[in-house]
Amino acid sequence: MASTLMNLYRDKRNGKLGGVCAGIARKAGVEPWLVRVLAVTGLVFASFLTFVLYMAAWLLLEDRPDQPEPEPAHVKSAGWQSGLSPKEALDKLEGKLRRLNGRVAEMEQLLTSREFRLRREFNDLREDK
């Protein structure tokens, strides 16, 4: 029941031991190996607490339900995941930033225009009724 409330499940298909790390990685949107490294690090520095938390998650979390997963448009969307060269990733990022900069400039122009101030004053008059 706790796992359905948080939408957190054990992922035995992608898991190594009990599927806890794979389930946490799936929920967090990171690679499972990263969660496993953090778990092993936790075992080294806080072994008893990490072990108890892992065992509790193993016992309390339900298995991930078998549902057909929707096919993602891009399997790996971030530049560091998609295998782009640094130059391609930088060009892609520069294009996104250029588009965002244009949108911000349009918003600034609207907010500093006389038309916007006039509309705001009319709206204030309507609210004062």
N, C-alpha and C. Protein backbone atom coordinates (compact mmCIF):
# COMPACT_ATOMS: atom_id res chain seq x y z
N MET A 1 0.82 -1.19 0.00
CA MET A 1 0.00 0.00 0.00
C MET A 1 0.86 1.26 0.00
N ALA A 2 1.94 1.25 0.78
CA ALA A 2 2.81 2.42 0.82
C ALA A 2 3.41 2.70 -0.54
N SER A 3 3.72 1.64 -1.27
CA SER A 3 4.35 1.85 -2.57
C SER A 3 3.37 2.44 -3.58
N THR A 4 2.09 2.12 -3.46
CA THR A 4 1.13 2.69 -4.40
C THR A 4 0.86 4.15 -4.09
N LEU A 5 0.96 4.55 -2.82
CA LEU A 5 0.76 5.95 -2.47
C LEU A 5 1.89 6.83 -3.01
N MET A 6 3.11 6.32 -2.97
CA MET A 6 4.26 7.09 -3.44
C MET A 6 4.60 6.79 -4.88
N ASN A 7 3.94 5.82 -5.47
CA ASN A 7 4.25 5.37 -6.83
C ASN A 7 5.69 4.87 -6.91
N LEU A 8 6.11 4.18 -5.86
CA LEU A 8 7.45 3.63 -5.77
C LEU A 8 7.34 2.12 -5.65
N TYR A 9 7.98 1.42 -6.53
CA TYR A 9 7.92 -0.04 -6.56
C TYR A 9 9.32 -0.61 -6.67
N ARG A 10 9.46 -1.89 -6.30
CA ARG A 10 10.69 -2.61 -6.57
C ARG A 10 10.68 -3.03 -8.04
N ASP A 11 11.79 -2.91 -8.70
CA ASP A 11 11.89 -3.25 -10.12
C ASP A 11 12.80 -4.47 -10.25
N LYS A 12 12.20 -5.66 -10.12
CA LYS A 12 12.99 -6.89 -10.13
C LYS A 12 13.60 -7.16 -11.50
N ARG A 13 12.94 -6.71 -12.57
CA ARG A 13 13.47 -6.98 -13.91
C ARG A 13 14.80 -6.29 -14.15
N ASN A 14 14.96 -5.08 -13.61
CA ASN A 14 16.21 -4.34 -13.79
C ASN A 14 17.09 -4.38 -12.56
N GLY A 15 16.65 -5.07 -11.51
CA GLY A 15 17.38 -5.10 -10.25
C GLY A 15 18.43 -6.19 -10.22
N LYS A 16 19.35 -6.05 -9.29
CA LYS A 16 20.41 -7.04 -9.11
C LYS A 16 20.10 -7.95 -7.93
N LEU A 17 19.63 -7.37 -6.83
CA LEU A 17 19.37 -8.16 -5.64
C LEU A 17 17.87 -8.25 -5.38
N GLY A 18 17.28 -7.17 -4.91
CA GLY A 18 15.85 -7.18 -4.63
C GLY A 18 15.07 -6.21 -5.50
N GLY A 19 15.75 -5.42 -6.29
CA GLY A 19 15.09 -4.46 -7.15
C GLY A 19 14.80 -3.13 -6.50
N VAL A 20 15.28 -2.93 -5.26
CA VAL A 20 15.02 -1.68 -4.55
C VAL A 20 15.74 -0.52 -5.22
N CYS A 21 17.03 -0.67 -5.48
CA CYS A 21 17.80 0.41 -6.11
C CYS A 21 17.27 0.73 -7.50
N ALA A 22 16.90 -0.30 -8.25
CA ALA A 22 16.35 -0.06 -9.60
C ALA A 22 15.02 0.66 -9.51
N GLY A 23 14.21 0.34 -8.52
CA GLY A 23 12.93 1.02 -8.34
C GLY A 23 13.11 2.47 -7.95
N ILE A 24 14.06 2.74 -7.05
CA ILE A 24 14.35 4.12 -6.66
C ILE A 24 14.89 4.90 -7.84
N ALA A 25 15.76 4.27 -8.62
CA ALA A 25 16.32 4.94 -9.79
C ALA A 25 15.24 5.25 -10.81
N ARG A 26 14.31 4.33 -10.99
CA ARG A 26 13.20 4.56 -11.93
C ARG A 26 12.35 5.73 -11.48
N LYS A 27 12.06 5.81 -10.19
CA LYS A 27 11.25 6.90 -9.65
C LYS A 27 11.98 8.24 -9.76
N ALA A 28 13.30 8.22 -9.48
CA ALA A 28 14.09 9.45 -9.49
C ALA A 28 14.50 9.87 -10.90
N GLY A 29 14.41 8.95 -11.87
CA GLY A 29 14.78 9.28 -13.24
C GLY A 29 16.27 9.29 -13.47
N VAL A 30 17.00 8.47 -12.72
CA VAL A 30 18.45 8.38 -12.89
C VAL A 30 18.80 6.94 -13.26
N GLU A 31 20.04 6.73 -13.61
CA GLU A 31 20.51 5.40 -13.96
C GLU A 31 20.59 4.54 -12.70
N PRO A 32 20.23 3.26 -12.78
CA PRO A 32 20.28 2.40 -11.60
C PRO A 32 21.67 2.24 -10.99
N TRP A 33 22.71 2.28 -11.80
CA TRP A 33 24.05 2.11 -11.27
C TRP A 33 24.41 3.22 -10.29
N LEU A 34 23.88 4.43 -10.52
CA LEU A 34 24.16 5.55 -9.63
C LEU A 34 23.56 5.30 -8.25
N VAL A 35 22.34 4.79 -8.20
CA VAL A 35 21.69 4.49 -6.92
C VAL A 35 22.43 3.34 -6.23
N ARG A 36 22.89 2.38 -7.01
CA ARG A 36 23.64 1.25 -6.43
C ARG A 36 24.95 1.73 -5.81
N VAL A 37 25.64 2.65 -6.49
CA VAL A 37 26.89 3.21 -5.94
C VAL A 37 26.60 3.93 -4.63
N LEU A 38 25.51 4.70 -4.59
CA LEU A 38 25.14 5.39 -3.36
C LEU A 38 24.80 4.41 -2.26
N ALA A 39 24.13 3.32 -2.60
CA ALA A 39 23.78 2.30 -1.60
C ALA A 39 25.03 1.63 -1.05
N VAL A 40 25.96 1.30 -1.91
CA VAL A 40 27.21 0.66 -1.44
C VAL A 40 28.00 1.65 -0.59
N THR A 41 28.03 2.91 -0.98
CA THR A 41 28.70 3.92 -0.18
C THR A 41 28.03 4.03 1.19
N GLY A 42 26.71 3.99 1.20
CA GLY A 42 25.99 4.01 2.47
C GLY A 42 26.31 2.79 3.31
N LEU A 43 26.48 1.64 2.68
CA LEU A 43 26.85 0.45 3.43
C LEU A 43 28.24 0.59 4.05
N VAL A 44 29.14 1.25 3.35
CA VAL A 44 30.49 1.42 3.87
C VAL A 44 30.51 2.37 5.06
N PHE A 45 29.81 3.50 4.95
CA PHE A 45 29.88 4.53 5.98
C PHE A 45 28.81 4.41 7.06
N ALA A 46 27.66 3.89 6.74
CA ALA A 46 26.58 3.73 7.73
C ALA A 46 25.93 2.38 7.50
N SER A 47 26.71 1.34 7.73
CA SER A 47 26.30 0.01 7.31
C SER A 47 24.99 -0.46 7.92
N PHE A 48 24.81 -0.32 9.22
CA PHE A 48 23.61 -0.84 9.86
C PHE A 48 22.36 -0.10 9.38
N LEU A 49 22.43 1.23 9.35
CA LEU A 49 21.27 2.03 8.93
C LEU A 49 20.91 1.75 7.47
N THR A 50 21.90 1.71 6.61
CA THR A 50 21.63 1.44 5.20
C THR A 50 21.05 0.05 5.01
N PHE A 51 21.60 -0.92 5.73
CA PHE A 51 21.10 -2.29 5.62
C PHE A 51 19.65 -2.38 6.10
N VAL A 52 19.34 -1.73 7.21
CA VAL A 52 17.97 -1.75 7.75
C VAL A 52 17.01 -1.07 6.77
N LEU A 53 17.40 0.07 6.22
CA LEU A 53 16.53 0.78 5.27
C LEU A 53 16.31 -0.05 4.00
N TYR A 54 17.36 -0.69 3.51
CA TYR A 54 17.23 -1.51 2.31
C TYR A 54 16.30 -2.68 2.57
N MET A 55 16.48 -3.35 3.69
CA MET A 55 15.63 -4.50 4.03
C MET A 55 14.17 -4.06 4.22
N ALA A 56 13.96 -2.91 4.85
CA ALA A 56 12.60 -2.41 5.04
C ALA A 56 11.96 -2.11 3.69
N ALA A 57 12.70 -1.49 2.80
CA ALA A 57 12.17 -1.20 1.47
C ALA A 57 11.88 -2.49 0.71
N TRP A 58 12.74 -3.48 0.88
CA TRP A 58 12.57 -4.76 0.20
C TRP A 58 11.29 -5.44 0.69
N LEU A 59 11.03 -5.34 1.97
CA LEU A 59 9.84 -5.99 2.53
C LEU A 59 8.56 -5.19 2.31
N LEU A 60 8.64 -3.86 2.35
CA LEU A 60 7.43 -3.03 2.30
C LEU A 60 6.99 -2.65 0.89
N LEU A 61 7.95 -2.51 -0.02
CA LEU A 61 7.58 -2.08 -1.37
C LEU A 61 7.06 -3.26 -2.18
N GLU A 62 6.05 -2.98 -2.97
CA GLU A 62 5.47 -4.01 -3.83
C GLU A 62 6.27 -4.10 -5.13
N ASP A 63 6.13 -5.22 -5.81
CA ASP A 63 6.76 -5.38 -7.12
C ASP A 63 6.08 -4.45 -8.11
N ARG A 64 6.87 -3.99 -9.07
CA ARG A 64 6.32 -3.11 -10.10
C ARG A 64 5.29 -3.88 -10.93
N PRO A 65 4.10 -3.30 -11.10
CA PRO A 65 3.08 -4.00 -11.88
C PRO A 65 3.49 -4.15 -13.34
N ASP A 66 3.07 -5.24 -13.95
CA ASP A 66 3.38 -5.48 -15.35
C ASP A 66 2.42 -4.70 -16.22
N GLN A 67 2.89 -3.59 -16.73
CA GLN A 67 2.10 -2.76 -17.62
C GLN A 67 2.94 -2.49 -18.85
N PRO A 68 2.30 -2.51 -20.01
CA PRO A 68 3.07 -2.15 -21.20
C PRO A 68 3.49 -0.69 -21.11
N GLU A 69 4.78 -0.47 -21.26
CA GLU A 69 5.31 0.88 -21.16
C GLU A 69 5.17 1.59 -22.49
N PRO A 70 4.77 2.87 -22.45
CA PRO A 70 4.70 3.61 -23.72
C PRO A 70 6.09 3.78 -24.30
N GLU A 71 6.15 3.68 -25.60
CA GLU A 71 7.44 3.79 -26.29
C GLU A 71 7.88 5.25 -26.27
N PRO A 72 9.02 5.56 -25.63
CA PRO A 72 9.47 6.95 -25.57
C PRO A 72 9.93 7.44 -26.95
N ALA A 73 9.74 8.73 -27.18
CA ALA A 73 10.16 9.32 -28.45
C ALA A 73 11.69 9.25 -28.57
N HIS A 74 12.36 9.58 -27.50
CA HIS A 74 13.81 9.50 -27.46
C HIS A 74 14.17 8.70 -26.22
N VAL A 75 14.94 7.67 -26.40
CA VAL A 75 15.29 6.81 -25.27
C VAL A 75 16.09 7.62 -24.24
N LYS A 76 17.04 8.36 -24.70
CA LYS A 76 17.85 9.17 -23.80
C LYS A 76 17.82 10.60 -24.33
N SER A 77 17.26 11.50 -23.54
CA SER A 77 17.01 12.84 -24.06
C SER A 77 18.10 13.84 -23.70
N ALA A 78 18.74 13.69 -22.56
CA ALA A 78 19.77 14.65 -22.19
C ALA A 78 21.02 14.44 -23.03
N GLY A 79 21.78 15.51 -23.21
CA GLY A 79 22.96 15.43 -24.06
C GLY A 79 23.96 14.42 -23.58
N TRP A 80 24.14 14.32 -22.27
CA TRP A 80 25.13 13.37 -21.76
C TRP A 80 24.64 11.94 -21.88
N GLN A 81 23.33 11.73 -22.08
CA GLN A 81 22.78 10.39 -22.23
C GLN A 81 22.68 9.96 -23.68
N SER A 82 22.48 10.90 -24.57
CA SER A 82 22.15 10.56 -25.95
C SER A 82 23.37 10.23 -26.80
N GLY A 83 24.55 10.42 -26.28
CA GLY A 83 25.74 10.09 -27.03
C GLY A 83 26.16 11.17 -28.01
N LEU A 84 25.66 12.39 -27.83
CA LEU A 84 26.08 13.48 -28.70
C LEU A 84 27.51 13.85 -28.40
N SER A 85 28.18 14.34 -29.43
CA SER A 85 29.53 14.85 -29.20
C SER A 85 29.41 16.16 -28.42
N PRO A 86 30.45 16.58 -27.74
CA PRO A 86 30.36 17.83 -26.98
C PRO A 86 29.98 19.02 -27.86
N LYS A 87 30.49 19.06 -29.07
CA LYS A 87 30.16 20.17 -29.99
C LYS A 87 28.67 20.15 -30.33
N GLU A 88 28.13 18.96 -30.63
CA GLU A 88 26.71 18.86 -30.97
C GLU A 88 25.83 19.22 -29.78
N ALA A 89 26.22 18.76 -28.59
CA ALA A 89 25.44 19.07 -27.39
C ALA A 89 25.47 20.57 -27.11
N LEU A 90 26.63 21.20 -27.31
CA LEU A 90 26.74 22.64 -27.10
C LEU A 90 25.91 23.41 -28.11
N ASP A 91 25.94 23.00 -29.37
CA ASP A 91 25.13 23.66 -30.39
C ASP A 91 23.64 23.53 -30.09
N LYS A 92 23.23 22.35 -29.64
CA LYS A 92 21.83 22.12 -29.29
C LYS A 92 21.43 23.02 -28.12
N LEU A 93 22.30 23.10 -27.11
CA LEU A 93 22.03 23.94 -25.96
C LEU A 93 21.99 25.41 -26.33
N GLU A 94 22.90 25.85 -27.18
CA GLU A 94 22.90 27.24 -27.62
C GLU A 94 21.62 27.59 -28.37
N GLY A 95 21.12 26.66 -29.18
CA GLY A 95 19.86 26.91 -29.88
C GLY A 95 18.70 27.07 -28.90
N LYS A 96 18.64 26.21 -27.88
CA LYS A 96 17.58 26.33 -26.88
C LYS A 96 17.68 27.66 -26.14
N LEU A 97 18.90 28.03 -25.76
CA LEU A 97 19.08 29.30 -25.04
C LEU A 97 18.74 30.50 -25.92
N ARG A 98 19.04 30.43 -27.20
CA ARG A 98 18.71 31.52 -28.11
C ARG A 98 17.19 31.69 -28.21
N ARG A 99 16.46 30.55 -28.31
CA ARG A 99 14.99 30.62 -28.35
C ARG A 99 14.42 31.17 -27.05
N LEU A 100 14.97 30.72 -25.92
CA LEU A 100 14.50 31.22 -24.62
C LEU A 100 14.78 32.71 -24.47
N ASN A 101 15.95 33.14 -24.92
CA ASN A 101 16.30 34.56 -24.84
C ASN A 101 15.33 35.40 -25.66
N GLY A 102 14.94 34.88 -26.82
CA GLY A 102 13.96 35.60 -27.64
C GLY A 102 12.61 35.71 -26.94
N ARG A 103 12.18 34.64 -26.30
CA ARG A 103 10.90 34.67 -25.58
C ARG A 103 10.95 35.65 -24.41
N VAL A 104 12.08 35.67 -23.68
CA VAL A 104 12.22 36.60 -22.55
C VAL A 104 12.22 38.03 -23.05
N ALA A 105 12.87 38.28 -24.17
CA ALA A 105 12.89 39.64 -24.73
C ALA A 105 11.48 40.07 -25.13
N GLU A 106 10.69 39.17 -25.69
CA GLU A 106 9.30 39.50 -26.04
C GLU A 106 8.49 39.83 -24.79
N MET A 107 8.68 39.05 -23.72
CA MET A 107 7.95 39.32 -22.48
C MET A 107 8.36 40.65 -21.87
N GLU A 108 9.66 40.96 -21.89
CA GLU A 108 10.13 42.25 -21.38
C GLU A 108 9.54 43.39 -22.17
N GLN A 109 9.48 43.22 -23.48
CA GLN A 109 8.93 44.28 -24.33
C GLN A 109 7.46 44.50 -24.01
N LEU A 110 6.71 43.41 -23.80
CA LEU A 110 5.30 43.54 -23.47
C LEU A 110 5.11 44.20 -22.11
N LEU A 111 5.89 43.77 -21.12
CA LEU A 111 5.71 44.30 -19.76
C LEU A 111 6.12 45.75 -19.63
N THR A 112 6.97 46.24 -20.50
CA THR A 112 7.38 47.64 -20.42
C THR A 112 6.63 48.52 -21.41
N SER A 113 5.67 47.97 -22.13
CA SER A 113 4.95 48.75 -23.12
C SER A 113 3.84 49.59 -22.47
N ARG A 114 3.44 50.64 -23.17
CA ARG A 114 2.36 51.50 -22.71
C ARG A 114 1.03 50.75 -22.71
N GLU A 115 0.87 49.87 -23.71
CA GLU A 115 -0.37 49.10 -23.81
C GLU A 115 -0.57 48.23 -22.58
N PHE A 116 0.48 47.62 -22.09
CA PHE A 116 0.37 46.76 -20.91
C PHE A 116 -0.02 47.59 -19.69
N ARG A 117 0.62 48.74 -19.53
CA ARG A 117 0.28 49.61 -18.39
C ARG A 117 -1.16 50.08 -18.47
N LEU A 118 -1.62 50.42 -19.68
CA LEU A 118 -2.99 50.86 -19.84
C LEU A 118 -3.98 49.74 -19.51
N ARG A 119 -3.72 48.53 -20.00
CA ARG A 119 -4.58 47.39 -19.68
C ARG A 119 -4.60 47.10 -18.19
N ARG A 120 -3.45 47.23 -17.54
CA ARG A 120 -3.38 46.98 -16.10
C ARG A 120 -4.20 48.03 -15.34
N GLU A 121 -4.14 49.27 -15.77
CA GLU A 121 -4.93 50.31 -15.10
C GLU A 121 -6.43 50.07 -15.29
N PHE A 122 -6.84 49.63 -16.48
CA PHE A 122 -8.25 49.31 -16.68
C PHE A 122 -8.68 48.13 -15.81
N ASN A 123 -7.84 47.13 -15.70
CA ASN A 123 -8.14 45.99 -14.84
C ASN A 123 -8.24 46.41 -13.38
N ASP A 124 -7.37 47.33 -12.97
CA ASP A 124 -7.42 47.82 -11.59
C ASP A 124 -8.72 48.58 -11.34
N LEU A 125 -9.19 49.33 -12.35
CA LEU A 125 -10.45 50.05 -12.20
C LEU A 125 -11.62 49.08 -12.06
N ARG A 126 -11.60 47.98 -12.81
CA ARG A 126 -12.66 46.97 -12.70
C ARG A 126 -12.68 46.32 -11.32
N GLU A 127 -11.51 46.08 -10.77
CA GLU A 127 -11.43 45.42 -9.47
C GLU A 127 -11.81 46.34 -8.32
N ASP A 128 -11.74 47.65 -8.52
CA ASP A 128 -12.04 48.61 -7.45
C ASP A 128 -13.54 48.76 -7.22
N LYS A 129 -14.37 48.22 -8.07
CA LYS A 129 -15.82 48.40 -7.93
C LYS A 129 -16.31 48.05 -6.59
